[in-house]
Amino acid sequence: MTTEQELGTAPMSIMDSLVRNDRGGPKWLWRSGSLVPWADARIHVNAVGHASVASVFEGIKAYVSHDGNRLLAFRLDEHLRRLYESARLVRIEIPYGVETLRDAVIEVLRANEYREDVYLRPWAFPAGIVQEQMVPAGVSCELVVDSWTFQSGLGTERGCRAAVSSWTRINEASMPPRVKAFSNYHNGRLAMIEARENGHDWPILLNERGKVSEGPGACIAIVRDGVVSTPSTTSGILESLTRETSITLLRELGHTVVERDVDRTELYLADEVFFMGTGWEILPVTWVDGLKVGEGEAGPVTRALDAAYHSVVRGRSAEHADWLTEIPF
């Protein structure tokens, strides 16, 4: 049985895994065409502010294989394609092709001689010093591939307390929620601050119609009477590759998965609730608004998904080998 203390501390390990530790960064990152020492990759302070509004990024994980002799970048090509889709929607131009960026990701992994699980962040931002408040369309961008190690939560006992936020998820009438843009995450950040101040771990945001949308950095699903339901891609969610992966794996495990509107009250009646995201992996939600979900620990469907996902990303499973890009040690 998971203790309440464990439930309270587990979500912080997710955040810790995405934040650099006191040792600083890796030796190398890739910047606009070549490897650059991480410590020398600087820009002027005036190149940060307004340019950041139009920035887009991806979060990609490379896992050490089950046999310990290679890294496996998970769904690398799909992540990179989404980066270019995000750039298109925010009207900025990435001056490199997908293959160049794919080679850059692999080069960063090799140059840093990683032997641990790695989080990779390719990101694009308008180049030079941007002083216009509204960055115009079609500007050329710098492209950076940064990386750091993380500790996976897959295969471990964990869970979190969630609360429905008073903040509403952004929608298509305001800014495109399906893209991975830095500016979109301010919405989730405000919701996260509210949740933490009220004694919870993570928020769940509703959309403008009052239906469940997503967490601040992950999609969400519920299990009720054996059926898995998850908000559709028209519910104000990111077009999540982890969500897509989870739906595929759950159906292969024999579960019925429905993409539909999910009501707030269904969170309170669900047998299981879980988040899905690159950074969060598969994270069980064990309490919602002070109500215990199921038995207050990961349920059987969530555990089965976690195990299947873990098997795939480590290369244990023969299925979905096309999702993995191998980088031998």
Protein backbone atom coordinates (compact mmCIF):
# COMPACT_ATOMS: atom_id res chain seq x y z
CA MET A 1 0.00 0.00 0.00
CA THR A 2 1.32 3.47 -0.93
CA THR A 3 1.56 5.78 2.06
CA GLU A 4 0.23 9.33 2.09
CA GLN A 5 3.78 10.58 2.63
CA GLU A 6 4.91 8.80 -0.54
CA LEU A 7 1.97 10.23 -2.46
CA GLY A 8 2.94 13.71 -1.38
CA THR A 9 6.59 13.46 -2.33
CA ALA A 10 6.47 11.44 -5.55
CA PRO A 11 5.33 14.29 -7.85
CA MET A 12 8.30 16.42 -6.83
CA SER A 13 10.64 13.79 -8.23
CA ILE A 14 9.02 14.40 -11.62
CA MET A 15 9.78 18.09 -11.37
CA ASP A 16 13.29 17.39 -10.11
CA SER A 17 13.97 15.15 -13.08
CA LEU A 18 13.22 18.03 -15.46
CA VAL A 19 15.29 20.63 -13.63
CA ARG A 20 19.07 20.77 -13.83
CA ASN A 21 20.96 19.77 -10.73
CA ASP A 22 23.68 21.72 -8.98
CA ARG A 23 26.38 20.15 -11.13
CA GLY A 24 25.27 22.25 -14.10
CA GLY A 25 24.64 21.08 -17.61
CA PRO A 26 26.19 18.51 -19.93
CA LYS A 27 29.47 19.08 -21.76
CA TRP A 28 27.86 19.82 -25.10
CA LEU A 29 24.68 21.06 -26.73
CA TRP A 30 23.81 21.59 -30.37
CA ARG A 31 23.17 25.16 -31.48
CA SER A 32 22.28 26.31 -34.97
CA GLY A 33 24.39 23.84 -36.88
CA SER A 34 27.19 22.68 -34.61
CA LEU A 35 28.12 21.37 -31.17
CA VAL A 36 28.88 24.12 -28.67
CA PRO A 37 30.30 23.77 -25.13
CA TRP A 38 27.31 24.01 -22.82
CA ALA A 39 28.96 26.70 -20.67
CA ASP A 40 29.59 28.91 -23.72
CA ALA A 41 26.07 28.77 -25.16
CA ARG A 42 25.00 32.29 -24.24
CA ILE A 43 22.77 34.97 -25.64
CA HIS A 44 22.29 38.63 -24.75
CA VAL A 45 19.63 39.33 -22.12
CA ASN A 46 17.72 41.45 -24.66
CA ALA A 47 17.38 38.39 -26.87
CA VAL A 48 15.23 36.65 -24.28
CA GLY A 49 12.02 38.56 -23.51
CA HIS A 50 9.78 39.01 -26.53
CA ALA A 51 11.51 36.25 -28.48
CA SER A 52 10.42 33.78 -25.80
CA VAL A 53 6.76 34.39 -26.58
CA ALA A 54 7.14 32.72 -29.97
CA SER A 55 9.42 29.88 -28.85
CA VAL A 56 8.47 26.25 -29.41
CA PHE A 57 10.07 23.10 -28.07
CA GLU A 58 9.92 19.34 -27.72
CA GLY A 59 10.55 17.02 -24.80
CA ILE A 60 12.09 13.70 -25.84
CA LYS A 61 13.39 10.90 -23.68
CA ALA A 62 16.19 8.46 -24.43
CA TYR A 63 16.14 5.42 -22.15
CA VAL A 64 18.97 3.03 -21.37
CA SER A 65 18.04 -0.29 -22.94
CA HIS A 66 17.17 -3.29 -20.77
CA ASP A 67 20.52 -4.91 -21.67
CA GLY A 68 22.42 -1.76 -20.68
CA ASN A 69 24.41 -1.33 -23.89
CA ARG A 70 22.60 1.45 -25.75
CA LEU A 71 20.28 4.41 -25.51
CA LEU A 72 16.84 4.23 -27.08
CA ALA A 73 15.36 7.58 -28.11
CA PHE A 74 11.59 7.17 -27.88
CA ARG A 75 9.52 8.27 -30.87
CA LEU A 76 12.22 10.69 -31.96
CA ASP A 77 10.94 11.23 -35.50
CA GLU A 78 7.38 11.92 -34.35
CA HIS A 79 8.57 14.41 -31.74
CA LEU A 80 10.63 16.28 -34.31
CA ARG A 81 7.75 16.41 -36.76
CA ARG A 82 5.59 17.93 -34.04
CA LEU A 83 8.24 20.59 -33.41
CA TYR A 84 7.93 21.72 -37.02
CA GLU A 85 4.13 21.67 -36.76
CA SER A 86 4.35 23.88 -33.67
CA ALA A 87 6.66 26.28 -35.50
CA ARG A 88 4.20 26.46 -38.40
CA LEU A 89 1.30 27.32 -36.11
CA VAL A 90 3.19 30.12 -34.30
CA ARG A 91 4.52 31.39 -37.67
CA ILE A 92 8.26 31.06 -37.17
CA GLU A 93 10.75 29.51 -39.58
CA ILE A 94 13.17 26.75 -38.54
CA PRO A 95 16.14 26.97 -40.94
CA TYR A 96 17.01 23.26 -40.80
CA GLY A 97 15.35 20.13 -42.08
CA VAL A 98 14.05 17.33 -39.89
CA GLU A 99 16.94 15.03 -40.82
CA THR A 100 19.49 17.66 -39.76
CA LEU A 101 17.80 18.01 -36.39
CA ARG A 102 17.53 14.24 -36.01
CA ASP A 103 21.28 13.94 -36.58
CA ALA A 104 21.82 16.76 -34.07
CA VAL A 105 19.93 14.91 -31.34
CA ILE A 106 22.01 11.78 -31.88
CA GLU A 107 25.19 13.88 -31.97
CA VAL A 108 24.35 15.45 -28.61
CA LEU A 109 23.77 12.04 -27.03
CA ARG A 110 27.07 10.71 -28.34
CA ALA A 111 29.13 13.80 -27.57
CA ASN A 112 28.01 13.80 -23.95
CA GLU A 113 28.76 10.08 -23.60
CA TYR A 114 25.55 9.46 -21.68
CA ARG A 115 25.13 6.14 -19.89
CA GLU A 116 21.92 7.13 -18.08
CA ASP A 117 18.35 7.99 -19.06
CA VAL A 118 18.36 11.36 -20.83
CA TYR A 119 15.79 14.10 -21.37
CA LEU A 120 16.32 16.03 -24.61
CA ARG A 121 14.89 19.43 -25.40
CA PRO A 122 15.10 20.72 -28.96
CA TRP A 123 13.77 24.25 -29.08
CA ALA A 124 13.51 27.10 -31.54
CA PHE A 125 13.35 30.82 -30.85
CA PRO A 126 13.60 33.98 -33.02
CA ALA A 127 17.25 34.76 -33.66
CA GLY A 128 19.12 37.89 -32.59
CA ILE A 129 17.98 40.71 -30.33
CA VAL A 130 14.22 41.03 -30.61
CA GLN A 131 12.88 44.38 -29.46
CA GLU A 132 9.46 44.27 -31.06
CA GLN A 133 6.75 43.38 -28.60
CA MET A 134 4.99 41.32 -31.26
CA VAL A 135 7.46 39.11 -33.11
CA PRO A 136 6.44 39.19 -36.79
CA ALA A 137 5.61 36.08 -38.77
CA GLY A 138 8.30 34.31 -40.76
CA VAL A 139 11.31 35.34 -38.69
CA SER A 140 14.38 33.10 -38.81
CA CYS A 141 15.14 31.13 -35.70
CA GLU A 142 17.98 29.73 -33.72
CA LEU A 143 17.68 26.06 -32.93
CA VAL A 144 19.13 24.43 -29.82
CA VAL A 145 19.24 20.82 -28.65
CA ASP A 146 19.87 20.65 -24.92
CA SER A 147 19.89 17.60 -22.65
CA TRP A 148 20.19 16.33 -19.09
CA THR A 149 19.82 13.09 -17.20
CA PHE A 150 16.66 12.15 -15.31
CA GLN A 151 15.35 9.39 -13.08
CA SER A 152 12.45 7.44 -14.56
CA GLY A 153 9.44 6.65 -12.41
CA LEU A 154 8.37 3.70 -14.54
CA GLY A 155 8.04 0.47 -12.60
CA THR A 156 7.95 2.25 -9.23
CA GLU A 157 5.15 2.71 -6.71
CA ARG A 158 3.97 6.29 -6.98
CA GLY A 159 0.91 8.51 -7.12
CA CYS A 160 -0.26 12.08 -6.72
CA ARG A 161 -3.04 14.20 -5.27
CA ALA A 162 -4.81 16.33 -7.87
CA ALA A 163 -7.36 19.14 -7.73
CA VAL A 164 -9.58 20.68 -10.35
CA SER A 165 -8.23 24.15 -11.03
CA SER A 166 -10.12 27.43 -11.05
CA TRP A 167 -8.01 28.34 -14.10
CA THR A 168 -9.49 27.33 -17.46
CA ARG A 169 -7.37 25.61 -20.09
CA ILE A 170 -6.48 27.82 -23.08
CA ASN A 171 -8.56 27.16 -26.17
CA GLU A 172 -8.40 27.55 -29.94
CA ALA A 173 -10.09 30.96 -29.73
CA SER A 174 -7.17 32.36 -27.69
CA MET A 175 -4.01 30.43 -28.67
CA PRO A 176 -3.46 26.95 -30.14
CA PRO A 177 -3.36 24.45 -27.26
CA ARG A 178 -2.25 21.56 -29.50
CA VAL A 179 1.24 23.06 -30.04
CA LYS A 180 4.19 22.75 -27.66
CA ALA A 181 4.93 26.44 -27.14
CA PHE A 182 6.65 27.84 -24.06
CA SER A 183 4.00 30.56 -23.70
CA ASN A 184 1.22 27.93 -23.41
CA TYR A 185 2.78 26.57 -20.24
CA HIS A 186 2.08 29.73 -18.26
CA ASN A 187 -1.54 28.55 -18.15
CA GLY A 188 -0.52 25.30 -16.47
CA ARG A 189 2.01 27.06 -14.26
CA LEU A 190 -0.66 29.26 -12.69
CA ALA A 191 -2.85 26.21 -12.12
CA MET A 192 0.07 24.32 -10.55
CA ILE A 193 0.82 27.19 -8.16
CA GLU A 194 -2.82 27.28 -7.08
CA ALA A 195 -2.88 23.51 -6.52
CA ARG A 196 0.29 23.54 -4.43
CA GLU A 197 -0.89 26.46 -2.32
CA ASN A 198 -4.06 24.51 -1.55
CA GLY A 199 -2.18 21.40 -0.45
CA HIS A 200 -2.40 19.33 -3.63
CA ASP A 201 0.33 18.10 -5.98
CA TRP A 202 -1.01 18.82 -9.46
CA PRO A 203 -4.01 20.52 -11.05
CA ILE A 204 -6.52 19.23 -13.56
CA LEU A 205 -7.73 21.94 -15.93
CA LEU A 206 -11.21 22.11 -17.45
CA ASN A 207 -11.80 23.63 -20.86
CA GLU A 208 -14.08 26.55 -21.73
CA ARG A 209 -17.06 24.13 -21.87
CA GLY A 210 -16.42 22.86 -18.36
CA LYS A 211 -15.15 19.49 -19.57
CA VAL A 212 -11.91 17.86 -18.40
CA SER A 213 -8.95 18.93 -20.53
CA GLU A 214 -5.50 18.00 -19.16
CA GLY A 215 -2.91 18.55 -16.45
CA PRO A 216 -0.30 21.33 -16.57
CA GLY A 217 2.13 19.19 -18.58
CA ALA A 218 0.36 15.92 -19.28
CA CYS A 219 -2.85 14.45 -20.67
CA ILE A 220 -5.27 12.55 -18.48
CA ALA A 221 -7.47 9.46 -18.61
CA ILE A 222 -10.01 7.80 -16.34
CA VAL A 223 -11.04 4.17 -15.92
CA ARG A 224 -14.65 3.44 -15.02
CA ASP A 225 -16.36 0.06 -15.21
CA GLY A 226 -13.44 -1.31 -17.19
CA VAL A 227 -13.55 1.37 -19.91
CA VAL A 228 -10.71 3.85 -20.36
CA SER A 229 -11.88 7.34 -21.35
CA THR A 230 -9.65 10.25 -22.29
CA PRO A 231 -10.52 13.77 -23.51
CA SER A 232 -10.42 14.07 -27.29
CA THR A 233 -7.88 16.18 -29.17
CA THR A 234 -10.58 18.86 -29.55
CA SER A 235 -10.80 19.28 -25.76
CA GLY A 236 -8.00 21.86 -25.56
CA ILE A 237 -5.21 19.32 -25.09
CA LEU A 238 -1.73 19.02 -26.50
CA GLU A 239 -1.58 16.46 -29.31
CA SER A 240 0.40 14.21 -27.01
CA LEU A 241 2.57 11.39 -28.29
CA THR A 242 2.50 9.73 -24.86
CA ARG A 243 -1.29 9.79 -24.97
CA GLU A 244 -1.25 8.28 -28.45
CA THR A 245 1.23 5.64 -27.29
CA SER A 246 -0.89 4.84 -24.25
CA ILE A 247 -4.06 4.42 -26.29
CA THR A 248 -2.25 2.01 -28.62
CA LEU A 249 -0.79 -0.04 -25.76
CA LEU A 250 -4.06 -0.17 -23.81
CA ARG A 251 -5.95 -1.45 -26.84
CA GLU A 252 -3.27 -4.06 -27.42
CA LEU A 253 -3.75 -5.13 -23.79
CA GLY A 254 -7.42 -5.71 -24.55
CA HIS A 255 -8.89 -2.58 -22.96
CA THR A 256 -11.62 -0.47 -24.53
CA VAL A 257 -10.43 3.13 -24.96
CA VAL A 258 -12.84 5.94 -25.81
CA GLU A 259 -11.84 9.48 -26.79
CA ARG A 260 -14.68 11.75 -25.68
CA ASP A 261 -15.78 14.62 -23.46
CA VAL A 262 -15.13 13.79 -19.81
CA ASP A 263 -17.17 15.49 -17.08
CA ARG A 264 -15.62 16.79 -13.86
CA THR A 265 -17.81 14.55 -11.73
CA GLU A 266 -16.52 11.48 -13.57
CA LEU A 267 -13.15 12.14 -11.92
CA TYR A 268 -14.85 11.57 -8.55
CA LEU A 269 -16.55 8.34 -9.65
CA ALA A 270 -13.64 6.82 -11.56
CA ASP A 271 -12.01 3.58 -10.48
CA GLU A 272 -8.65 4.87 -11.75
CA VAL A 273 -7.24 8.17 -12.98
CA PHE A 274 -3.80 8.72 -14.48
CA PHE A 275 -1.70 11.36 -16.21
CA MET A 276 0.30 10.66 -19.39
CA GLY A 277 3.23 12.72 -20.65
CA THR A 278 6.86 12.52 -21.72
CA GLY A 279 8.10 14.07 -18.50
CA TRP A 280 5.49 12.45 -16.25
CA GLU A 281 5.42 9.08 -18.02
CA ILE A 282 2.42 7.21 -16.53
CA LEU A 283 1.51 8.86 -13.22
CA PRO A 284 -1.41 7.52 -11.17
CA VAL A 285 -3.77 10.06 -9.60
CA THR A 286 -4.81 8.68 -6.23
CA TRP A 287 -6.88 11.58 -4.87
CA VAL A 288 -8.98 14.21 -6.67
CA ASP A 289 -10.31 17.21 -4.74
CA GLY A 290 -9.84 15.29 -1.48
CA LEU A 291 -11.72 12.21 -2.70
CA LYS A 292 -9.83 8.93 -2.88
CA VAL A 293 -9.62 7.38 -6.35
CA GLY A 294 -10.32 3.65 -6.10
CA GLU A 295 -8.16 2.18 -3.34
CA GLY A 296 -5.93 5.26 -3.17
CA GLU A 297 -3.14 3.64 -5.19
CA ALA A 298 -2.41 2.74 -8.81
CA GLY A 299 -5.14 0.50 -10.19
CA PRO A 300 -4.71 -2.61 -12.36
CA VAL A 301 -5.20 -0.85 -15.71
CA THR A 302 -2.72 1.88 -14.80
CA ARG A 303 -0.19 -0.69 -13.60
CA ALA A 304 -0.58 -2.73 -16.79
CA LEU A 305 -0.07 0.36 -18.94
CA ASP A 306 2.97 1.39 -16.90
CA ALA A 307 4.52 -2.06 -17.36
CA ALA A 308 3.81 -2.13 -21.10
CA TYR A 309 5.18 1.37 -21.60
CA HIS A 310 8.28 0.51 -19.57
CA SER A 311 8.85 -2.64 -21.62
CA VAL A 312 8.63 -0.73 -24.89
CA VAL A 313 10.91 2.19 -24.00
CA ARG A 314 13.59 -0.17 -22.61
CA GLY A 315 13.47 -2.34 -25.74
CA ARG A 316 12.30 -5.43 -23.84
CA SER A 317 9.25 -5.80 -26.04
CA ALA A 318 9.60 -6.89 -29.66
CA GLU A 319 6.57 -4.78 -30.49
CA HIS A 320 6.94 -1.20 -31.73
CA ALA A 321 10.66 -1.37 -32.45
CA ASP A 322 9.99 1.38 -35.00
CA TRP A 323 9.34 3.76 -32.08
CA LEU A 324 12.98 3.43 -30.94
CA THR A 325 16.12 5.05 -32.33
CA GLU A 326 19.21 3.20 -31.13
CA ILE A 327 22.40 4.96 -30.06
CA PRO A 328 24.97 2.28 -29.08
CA PHE A 329 27.39 2.98 -26.24
